[in-house]
């Protein structure tokens, strides 16, 4: 995940979290990124200094979680668990299978798997509805 400092046309600054820079561009183009203060879709990335993660910084991040963040993390874990229990894992064939389901070439069913940024863009262009599973810390172990 990457955090961008964003600024709307009226000068309101706010933060946004995205999977990567391309994800920000895609969401902005689809009108999904708006200013929380004035709801303007005219949002740009503001100039910001890079953040360098260190082992010490990661320890502080883990310790900085408050009760609300822990509760939300638990909800994200539950969503990911339910998806994995009730959907078919299709691995790197996600884009192909999602298109087949979208265009009626395969029976409708829940699926999950991996897709490259280019595949994600293609699915968006084709109007295929999907959502990324949350990237949880334990998924990286």
N, C-alpha and C. Protein backbone atom coordinates (compact mmCIF):
# COMPACT_ATOMS: atom_id res chain seq x y z
N UNK A 1 0.85 -1.18 0.00
CA UNK A 1 0.00 0.00 0.00
C UNK A 1 0.89 1.24 0.00
N UNK A 2 0.36 2.29 -0.60
CA UNK A 2 1.09 3.55 -0.62
C UNK A 2 0.12 4.66 -0.21
N UNK A 3 0.64 5.60 0.58
CA UNK A 3 -0.18 6.73 1.01
C UNK A 3 0.24 7.95 0.21
N UNK A 4 -0.74 8.60 -0.40
CA UNK A 4 -0.48 9.85 -1.11
C UNK A 4 -1.13 10.99 -0.34
N UNK A 5 -0.44 12.11 -0.29
CA UNK A 5 -1.07 13.34 0.16
C UNK A 5 -1.75 13.91 -1.08
N UNK A 6 -3.05 14.18 -0.97
CA UNK A 6 -3.84 14.65 -2.09
C UNK A 6 -4.34 16.06 -1.82
N UNK A 7 -4.65 16.78 -2.90
CA UNK A 7 -5.12 18.15 -2.79
C UNK A 7 -6.19 18.37 -3.85
N UNK A 8 -7.31 18.97 -3.44
CA UNK A 8 -8.38 19.25 -4.40
C UNK A 8 -8.17 20.64 -5.00
N UNK A 9 -8.99 20.97 -5.98
CA UNK A 9 -8.89 22.25 -6.67
C UNK A 9 -9.13 23.43 -5.72
N UNK A 10 -9.83 23.20 -4.59
CA UNK A 10 -10.08 24.26 -3.62
C UNK A 10 -9.01 24.35 -2.54
N UNK A 11 -7.96 23.51 -2.67
CA UNK A 11 -6.83 23.59 -1.76
C UNK A 11 -6.94 22.75 -0.50
N UNK A 12 -7.98 21.91 -0.40
CA UNK A 12 -8.09 21.03 0.76
C UNK A 12 -7.09 19.89 0.62
N UNK A 13 -6.29 19.64 1.65
CA UNK A 13 -5.34 18.53 1.64
C UNK A 13 -5.87 17.39 2.46
N UNK A 14 -5.64 16.16 1.98
CA UNK A 14 -6.06 14.95 2.69
C UNK A 14 -5.21 13.79 2.20
N UNK A 15 -5.23 12.70 2.94
CA UNK A 15 -4.45 11.53 2.59
C UNK A 15 -5.35 10.49 1.93
N UNK A 16 -4.76 9.71 1.04
CA UNK A 16 -5.45 8.59 0.42
C UNK A 16 -4.51 7.40 0.33
N UNK A 17 -5.03 6.22 0.59
CA UNK A 17 -4.24 4.98 0.53
C UNK A 17 -4.63 4.22 -0.72
N UNK A 18 -3.60 3.76 -1.46
CA UNK A 18 -3.82 3.04 -2.70
C UNK A 18 -2.86 1.86 -2.78
N UNK A 19 -3.22 0.88 -3.58
CA UNK A 19 -2.34 -0.28 -3.73
C UNK A 19 -1.04 0.13 -4.41
N UNK A 20 -1.12 1.06 -5.36
CA UNK A 20 0.05 1.59 -6.07
C UNK A 20 -0.36 2.85 -6.81
N UNK A 21 0.60 3.48 -7.49
CA UNK A 21 0.30 4.71 -8.20
C UNK A 21 -0.72 4.53 -9.31
N UNK A 22 -0.65 3.41 -10.00
CA UNK A 22 -1.60 3.14 -11.08
C UNK A 22 -3.03 3.02 -10.54
N UNK A 23 -3.15 2.46 -9.32
CA UNK A 23 -4.47 2.32 -8.70
C UNK A 23 -5.08 3.70 -8.45
N UNK A 24 -4.26 4.65 -7.99
CA UNK A 24 -4.75 6.03 -7.82
C UNK A 24 -5.25 6.57 -9.16
N UNK A 25 -4.44 6.42 -10.22
CA UNK A 25 -4.81 6.95 -11.54
C UNK A 25 -6.11 6.35 -12.03
N UNK A 26 -6.28 5.04 -11.86
CA UNK A 26 -7.50 4.35 -12.30
C UNK A 26 -8.71 4.85 -11.53
N UNK A 27 -8.58 4.93 -10.20
CA UNK A 27 -9.71 5.38 -9.40
C UNK A 27 -10.06 6.84 -9.70
N UNK A 28 -9.05 7.67 -9.93
CA UNK A 28 -9.31 9.08 -10.25
C UNK A 28 -10.05 9.18 -11.58
N UNK A 29 -9.61 8.41 -12.57
CA UNK A 29 -10.25 8.45 -13.88
C UNK A 29 -11.72 8.01 -13.80
N UNK A 30 -12.01 7.07 -12.90
CA UNK A 30 -13.38 6.58 -12.73
C UNK A 30 -14.22 7.48 -11.83
N UNK A 31 -13.62 8.57 -11.31
CA UNK A 31 -14.35 9.50 -10.46
C UNK A 31 -14.55 9.00 -9.05
N UNK A 32 -13.71 8.05 -8.62
CA UNK A 32 -13.86 7.47 -7.28
C UNK A 32 -13.05 8.20 -6.22
N UNK A 33 -12.18 9.12 -6.64
CA UNK A 33 -11.37 9.87 -5.68
C UNK A 33 -11.96 11.27 -5.59
N UNK A 34 -12.49 11.61 -4.43
CA UNK A 34 -13.08 12.93 -4.23
C UNK A 34 -12.59 13.51 -2.91
N UNK A 35 -12.64 14.82 -2.82
CA UNK A 35 -12.23 15.51 -1.60
C UNK A 35 -13.26 15.26 -0.50
N UNK A 36 -12.82 14.84 0.68
CA UNK A 36 -13.78 14.61 1.76
C UNK A 36 -14.38 15.91 2.31
N UNK A 37 -13.72 17.04 2.07
CA UNK A 37 -14.22 18.31 2.59
C UNK A 37 -15.29 18.92 1.69
N UNK A 38 -15.06 18.88 0.35
CA UNK A 38 -15.99 19.55 -0.56
C UNK A 38 -16.56 18.64 -1.64
N UNK A 39 -16.14 17.37 -1.65
CA UNK A 39 -16.62 16.37 -2.60
C UNK A 39 -16.19 16.64 -4.04
N UNK A 40 -15.20 17.48 -4.25
CA UNK A 40 -14.71 17.77 -5.59
C UNK A 40 -13.93 16.59 -6.16
N UNK A 41 -14.21 16.20 -7.41
CA UNK A 41 -13.44 15.13 -8.03
C UNK A 41 -12.12 15.64 -8.64
N UNK A 42 -11.89 16.94 -8.57
CA UNK A 42 -10.66 17.52 -9.13
C UNK A 42 -9.55 17.41 -8.09
N UNK A 43 -8.94 16.22 -8.05
CA UNK A 43 -7.96 15.88 -7.03
C UNK A 43 -6.63 15.53 -7.70
N UNK A 44 -5.57 16.03 -7.14
CA UNK A 44 -4.22 15.72 -7.63
C UNK A 44 -3.34 15.29 -6.47
N UNK A 45 -2.27 14.58 -6.79
CA UNK A 45 -1.28 14.22 -5.77
C UNK A 45 -0.50 15.48 -5.42
N UNK A 46 -0.31 15.72 -4.14
CA UNK A 46 0.48 16.86 -3.67
C UNK A 46 1.94 16.43 -3.55
N UNK A 47 2.82 17.37 -3.60
CA UNK A 47 4.23 17.09 -3.41
C UNK A 47 4.45 16.58 -2.00
N UNK A 48 5.18 15.47 -1.87
CA UNK A 48 5.42 14.92 -0.55
C UNK A 48 6.78 14.25 -0.50
N UNK A 49 7.34 14.21 0.67
CA UNK A 49 8.64 13.56 0.85
C UNK A 49 8.44 12.06 0.93
N UNK A 50 9.38 11.28 0.39
CA UNK A 50 9.23 9.83 0.48
C UNK A 50 9.39 9.34 1.91
N UNK A 51 8.68 8.30 2.23
CA UNK A 51 8.79 7.69 3.56
C UNK A 51 9.61 6.42 3.42
N UNK A 52 10.61 6.27 4.25
CA UNK A 52 11.46 5.10 4.23
C UNK A 52 11.12 4.26 5.45
N UNK A 53 10.68 3.02 5.21
CA UNK A 53 10.31 2.14 6.31
C UNK A 53 11.55 1.45 6.85
N UNK A 54 11.66 1.41 8.15
CA UNK A 54 12.74 0.69 8.80
C UNK A 54 12.12 -0.31 9.76
N UNK A 55 12.92 -1.23 10.25
CA UNK A 55 12.41 -2.19 11.22
C UNK A 55 11.85 -1.47 12.43
N UNK A 56 12.53 -0.44 12.88
CA UNK A 56 12.06 0.32 14.04
C UNK A 56 10.71 0.98 13.72
N UNK A 57 10.57 1.55 12.52
CA UNK A 57 9.31 2.18 12.13
C UNK A 57 8.17 1.19 12.09
N UNK A 58 8.45 -0.05 11.63
CA UNK A 58 7.41 -1.07 11.59
C UNK A 58 6.96 -1.44 12.99
N UNK A 59 7.88 -1.51 13.92
CA UNK A 59 7.50 -1.80 15.30
C UNK A 59 6.60 -0.70 15.84
N UNK A 60 6.93 0.54 15.56
CA UNK A 60 6.10 1.65 16.04
C UNK A 60 4.72 1.61 15.40
N UNK A 61 4.65 1.25 14.11
CA UNK A 61 3.36 1.19 13.44
C UNK A 61 2.49 0.13 14.10
N UNK A 62 3.05 -1.02 14.38
CA UNK A 62 2.28 -2.08 15.02
C UNK A 62 1.81 -1.65 16.41
N UNK A 63 2.64 -0.94 17.13
CA UNK A 63 2.26 -0.50 18.47
C UNK A 63 1.30 0.68 18.45
N UNK A 64 1.24 1.39 17.32
CA UNK A 64 0.41 2.60 17.25
C UNK A 64 -1.06 2.29 16.96
N UNK A 65 -1.40 1.04 16.67
CA UNK A 65 -2.78 0.71 16.38
C UNK A 65 -3.65 0.91 17.62
N UNK A 66 -4.69 1.67 17.45
CA UNK A 66 -5.63 1.89 18.53
C UNK A 66 -6.77 0.88 18.47
N UNK A 67 -7.68 1.00 19.39
CA UNK A 67 -8.81 0.06 19.45
C UNK A 67 -9.63 0.07 18.16
N UNK A 68 -9.88 1.24 17.61
CA UNK A 68 -10.69 1.35 16.38
C UNK A 68 -9.98 0.69 15.21
N UNK A 69 -8.66 0.90 15.08
CA UNK A 69 -7.91 0.29 13.99
C UNK A 69 -7.89 -1.24 14.15
N UNK A 70 -7.73 -1.72 15.37
CA UNK A 70 -7.75 -3.17 15.60
C UNK A 70 -9.12 -3.76 15.23
N UNK A 71 -10.18 -3.03 15.57
CA UNK A 71 -11.53 -3.49 15.24
C UNK A 71 -11.71 -3.56 13.71
N UNK A 72 -11.26 -2.52 13.02
CA UNK A 72 -11.37 -2.50 11.56
C UNK A 72 -10.51 -3.59 10.92
N UNK A 73 -9.31 -3.80 11.46
CA UNK A 73 -8.45 -4.86 10.93
C UNK A 73 -9.13 -6.22 11.11
N UNK A 74 -9.81 -6.41 12.22
CA UNK A 74 -10.56 -7.65 12.44
C UNK A 74 -11.67 -7.83 11.42
N UNK A 75 -12.35 -6.74 11.08
CA UNK A 75 -13.41 -6.80 10.08
C UNK A 75 -12.83 -7.14 8.71
N UNK A 76 -11.68 -6.55 8.37
CA UNK A 76 -11.04 -6.86 7.10
C UNK A 76 -10.63 -8.34 7.04
N UNK A 77 -10.11 -8.84 8.14
CA UNK A 77 -9.73 -10.26 8.20
C UNK A 77 -10.97 -11.14 7.98
N UNK A 78 -12.09 -10.76 8.58
CA UNK A 78 -13.32 -11.54 8.45
C UNK A 78 -13.83 -11.53 7.01
N UNK A 79 -13.78 -10.38 6.35
CA UNK A 79 -14.20 -10.29 4.94
C UNK A 79 -13.32 -11.21 4.09
N UNK A 80 -12.01 -11.13 4.28
CA UNK A 80 -11.09 -11.96 3.50
C UNK A 80 -11.35 -13.44 3.78
N UNK A 81 -11.60 -13.80 5.02
CA UNK A 81 -11.86 -15.20 5.38
C UNK A 81 -13.13 -15.70 4.69
N UNK A 82 -14.20 -14.90 4.73
CA UNK A 82 -15.47 -15.30 4.12
C UNK A 82 -15.33 -15.45 2.61
N UNK A 83 -14.60 -14.53 1.97
CA UNK A 83 -14.40 -14.65 0.53
C UNK A 83 -13.66 -15.94 0.21
N UNK A 84 -12.61 -16.22 0.95
CA UNK A 84 -11.82 -17.43 0.68
C UNK A 84 -12.62 -18.70 0.95
N UNK A 85 -13.51 -18.68 1.93
CA UNK A 85 -14.33 -19.85 2.23
C UNK A 85 -15.43 -20.07 1.19
N UNK A 86 -15.95 -18.99 0.61
CA UNK A 86 -17.13 -19.09 -0.24
C UNK A 86 -16.87 -18.83 -1.71
N UNK A 87 -15.62 -18.76 -2.12
CA UNK A 87 -15.30 -18.49 -3.52
C UNK A 87 -14.23 -19.48 -3.97
N UNK A 88 -14.13 -19.64 -5.27
CA UNK A 88 -13.14 -20.54 -5.86
C UNK A 88 -11.84 -19.78 -6.12
N UNK A 89 -10.74 -20.37 -5.71
CA UNK A 89 -9.42 -19.78 -6.00
C UNK A 89 -9.03 -20.18 -7.42
N UNK A 90 -8.77 -19.15 -8.26
CA UNK A 90 -8.42 -19.41 -9.66
C UNK A 90 -6.99 -18.97 -9.98
N UNK A 91 -6.24 -18.57 -8.96
CA UNK A 91 -4.83 -18.22 -9.16
C UNK A 91 -4.64 -17.09 -10.16
N UNK A 92 -3.66 -17.26 -11.04
CA UNK A 92 -3.35 -16.20 -12.00
C UNK A 92 -4.31 -16.19 -13.19
N UNK A 93 -5.35 -17.01 -13.16
CA UNK A 93 -6.38 -17.02 -14.21
C UNK A 93 -7.56 -16.13 -13.82
N UNK A 94 -7.38 -15.27 -12.80
CA UNK A 94 -8.49 -14.45 -12.31
C UNK A 94 -9.12 -13.61 -13.41
N UNK A 95 -8.32 -12.87 -14.17
CA UNK A 95 -8.88 -11.98 -15.20
C UNK A 95 -9.65 -12.78 -16.25
N UNK A 96 -9.09 -13.89 -16.66
CA UNK A 96 -9.74 -14.74 -17.67
C UNK A 96 -11.08 -15.27 -17.16
N UNK A 97 -11.07 -15.80 -15.94
CA UNK A 97 -12.31 -16.35 -15.36
C UNK A 97 -13.34 -15.26 -15.10
N UNK A 98 -12.90 -14.11 -14.62
CA UNK A 98 -13.83 -13.01 -14.34
C UNK A 98 -14.52 -12.55 -15.62
N UNK A 99 -13.77 -12.49 -16.71
CA UNK A 99 -14.37 -12.11 -18.00
C UNK A 99 -15.40 -13.15 -18.45
N UNK A 100 -15.05 -14.43 -18.33
CA UNK A 100 -15.98 -15.49 -18.73
C UNK A 100 -17.29 -15.37 -17.96
N UNK A 101 -17.20 -15.14 -16.66
CA UNK A 101 -18.41 -14.98 -15.85
C UNK A 101 -19.17 -13.73 -16.27
N UNK A 102 -18.45 -12.63 -16.45
CA UNK A 102 -19.09 -11.35 -16.82
C UNK A 102 -19.84 -11.45 -18.15
N UNK A 103 -19.24 -12.14 -19.12
CA UNK A 103 -19.85 -12.22 -20.45
C UNK A 103 -20.73 -13.45 -20.63
N UNK A 104 -21.03 -14.18 -19.53
CA UNK A 104 -21.95 -15.30 -19.59
C UNK A 104 -21.37 -16.56 -20.19
N UNK A 105 -20.06 -16.66 -20.30
CA UNK A 105 -19.42 -17.85 -20.86
C UNK A 105 -19.14 -18.91 -19.78
N UNK A 106 -19.34 -18.56 -18.53
CA UNK A 106 -19.16 -19.49 -17.41
C UNK A 106 -20.26 -19.22 -16.39
N UNK A 107 -20.58 -20.23 -15.61
CA UNK A 107 -21.61 -20.07 -14.58
C UNK A 107 -21.18 -19.02 -13.57
N UNK A 108 -22.11 -18.16 -13.13
CA UNK A 108 -21.77 -17.16 -12.12
C UNK A 108 -21.35 -17.82 -10.81
N UNK A 109 -20.26 -17.35 -10.25
CA UNK A 109 -19.77 -17.85 -8.97
C UNK A 109 -18.75 -16.87 -8.44
N UNK A 110 -18.51 -16.91 -7.16
CA UNK A 110 -17.48 -16.08 -6.56
C UNK A 110 -16.11 -16.68 -6.84
N UNK A 111 -15.18 -15.85 -7.24
CA UNK A 111 -13.81 -16.29 -7.48
C UNK A 111 -12.85 -15.30 -6.85
N UNK A 112 -11.64 -15.77 -6.60
CA UNK A 112 -10.57 -14.88 -6.18
C UNK A 112 -9.26 -15.43 -6.72
N UNK A 113 -8.29 -14.53 -6.86
CA UNK A 113 -6.99 -14.92 -7.38
C UNK A 113 -6.12 -13.70 -7.57
N UNK A 114 -5.17 -13.80 -8.47
CA UNK A 114 -4.25 -12.71 -8.71
C UNK A 114 -4.44 -12.16 -10.13
N UNK A 115 -4.14 -10.86 -10.27
CA UNK A 115 -4.21 -10.20 -11.57
C UNK A 115 -3.11 -9.15 -11.62
N UNK A 116 -2.51 -9.02 -12.78
CA UNK A 116 -1.47 -8.00 -12.97
C UNK A 116 -2.14 -6.63 -13.11
N UNK A 117 -1.38 -5.55 -12.96
CA UNK A 117 -1.97 -4.22 -13.17
C UNK A 117 -2.60 -4.06 -14.56
N UNK A 118 -1.97 -4.62 -15.59
CA UNK A 118 -2.55 -4.54 -16.93
C UNK A 118 -3.86 -5.31 -17.02
N UNK A 119 -3.91 -6.48 -16.37
CA UNK A 119 -5.15 -7.25 -16.37
C UNK A 119 -6.26 -6.51 -15.62
N UNK A 120 -5.92 -5.87 -14.52
CA UNK A 120 -6.89 -5.10 -13.75
C UNK A 120 -7.44 -3.96 -14.61
N UNK A 121 -6.56 -3.26 -15.29
CA UNK A 121 -7.01 -2.16 -16.18
C UNK A 121 -7.95 -2.69 -17.26
N UNK A 122 -7.59 -3.83 -17.84
CA UNK A 122 -8.44 -4.43 -18.87
C UNK A 122 -9.81 -4.81 -18.33
N UNK A 123 -9.85 -5.37 -17.13
CA UNK A 123 -11.14 -5.71 -16.53
C UNK A 123 -11.99 -4.47 -16.29
N UNK A 124 -11.37 -3.41 -15.81
CA UNK A 124 -12.09 -2.15 -15.60
C UNK A 124 -12.62 -1.61 -16.93
N UNK A 125 -11.78 -1.65 -17.96
CA UNK A 125 -12.19 -1.18 -19.29
C UNK A 125 -13.37 -1.99 -19.84
N UNK A 126 -13.41 -3.29 -19.50
CA UNK A 126 -14.48 -4.17 -19.98
C UNK A 126 -15.74 -4.08 -19.11
N UNK A 127 -15.70 -3.31 -18.03
CA UNK A 127 -16.86 -3.16 -17.18
C UNK A 127 -17.08 -4.31 -16.21
N UNK A 128 -16.05 -5.12 -15.98
CA UNK A 128 -16.17 -6.25 -15.06
C UNK A 128 -16.09 -5.71 -13.63
N UNK A 129 -17.08 -6.08 -12.82
CA UNK A 129 -17.09 -5.62 -11.43
C UNK A 129 -16.29 -6.58 -10.57
N UNK A 130 -15.38 -6.04 -9.78
CA UNK A 130 -14.58 -6.82 -8.85
C UNK A 130 -14.03 -5.88 -7.81
N UNK A 131 -13.44 -6.46 -6.78
CA UNK A 131 -12.81 -5.63 -5.75
C UNK A 131 -11.57 -6.37 -5.25
N UNK A 132 -10.55 -5.63 -4.88
CA UNK A 132 -9.36 -6.29 -4.33
C UNK A 132 -9.63 -6.79 -2.92
N UNK A 133 -9.06 -7.94 -2.61
CA UNK A 133 -9.10 -8.41 -1.22
C UNK A 133 -8.13 -7.57 -0.42
N UNK A 134 -8.42 -7.33 0.83
CA UNK A 134 -7.48 -6.54 1.64
C UNK A 134 -6.14 -7.25 1.75
N UNK A 135 -5.07 -6.48 1.64
CA UNK A 135 -3.70 -6.98 1.78
C UNK A 135 -3.34 -6.90 3.25
N UNK A 136 -3.47 -8.01 3.95
CA UNK A 136 -3.26 -8.03 5.40
C UNK A 136 -1.82 -8.38 5.73
N UNK A 137 -1.33 -7.91 6.87
CA UNK A 137 0.07 -8.16 7.24
C UNK A 137 0.43 -9.64 7.24
N UNK A 138 -0.47 -10.50 7.72
CA UNK A 138 -0.13 -11.93 7.79
C UNK A 138 -0.07 -12.58 6.42
N UNK A 139 -0.64 -11.94 5.38
CA UNK A 139 -0.56 -12.47 4.04
C UNK A 139 0.85 -12.37 3.47
N UNK A 140 1.68 -11.55 4.06
CA UNK A 140 3.04 -11.36 3.56
C UNK A 140 4.03 -12.31 4.22
N UNK A 141 3.60 -13.09 5.19
CA UNK A 141 4.49 -14.02 5.89
C UNK A 141 4.57 -15.36 5.18
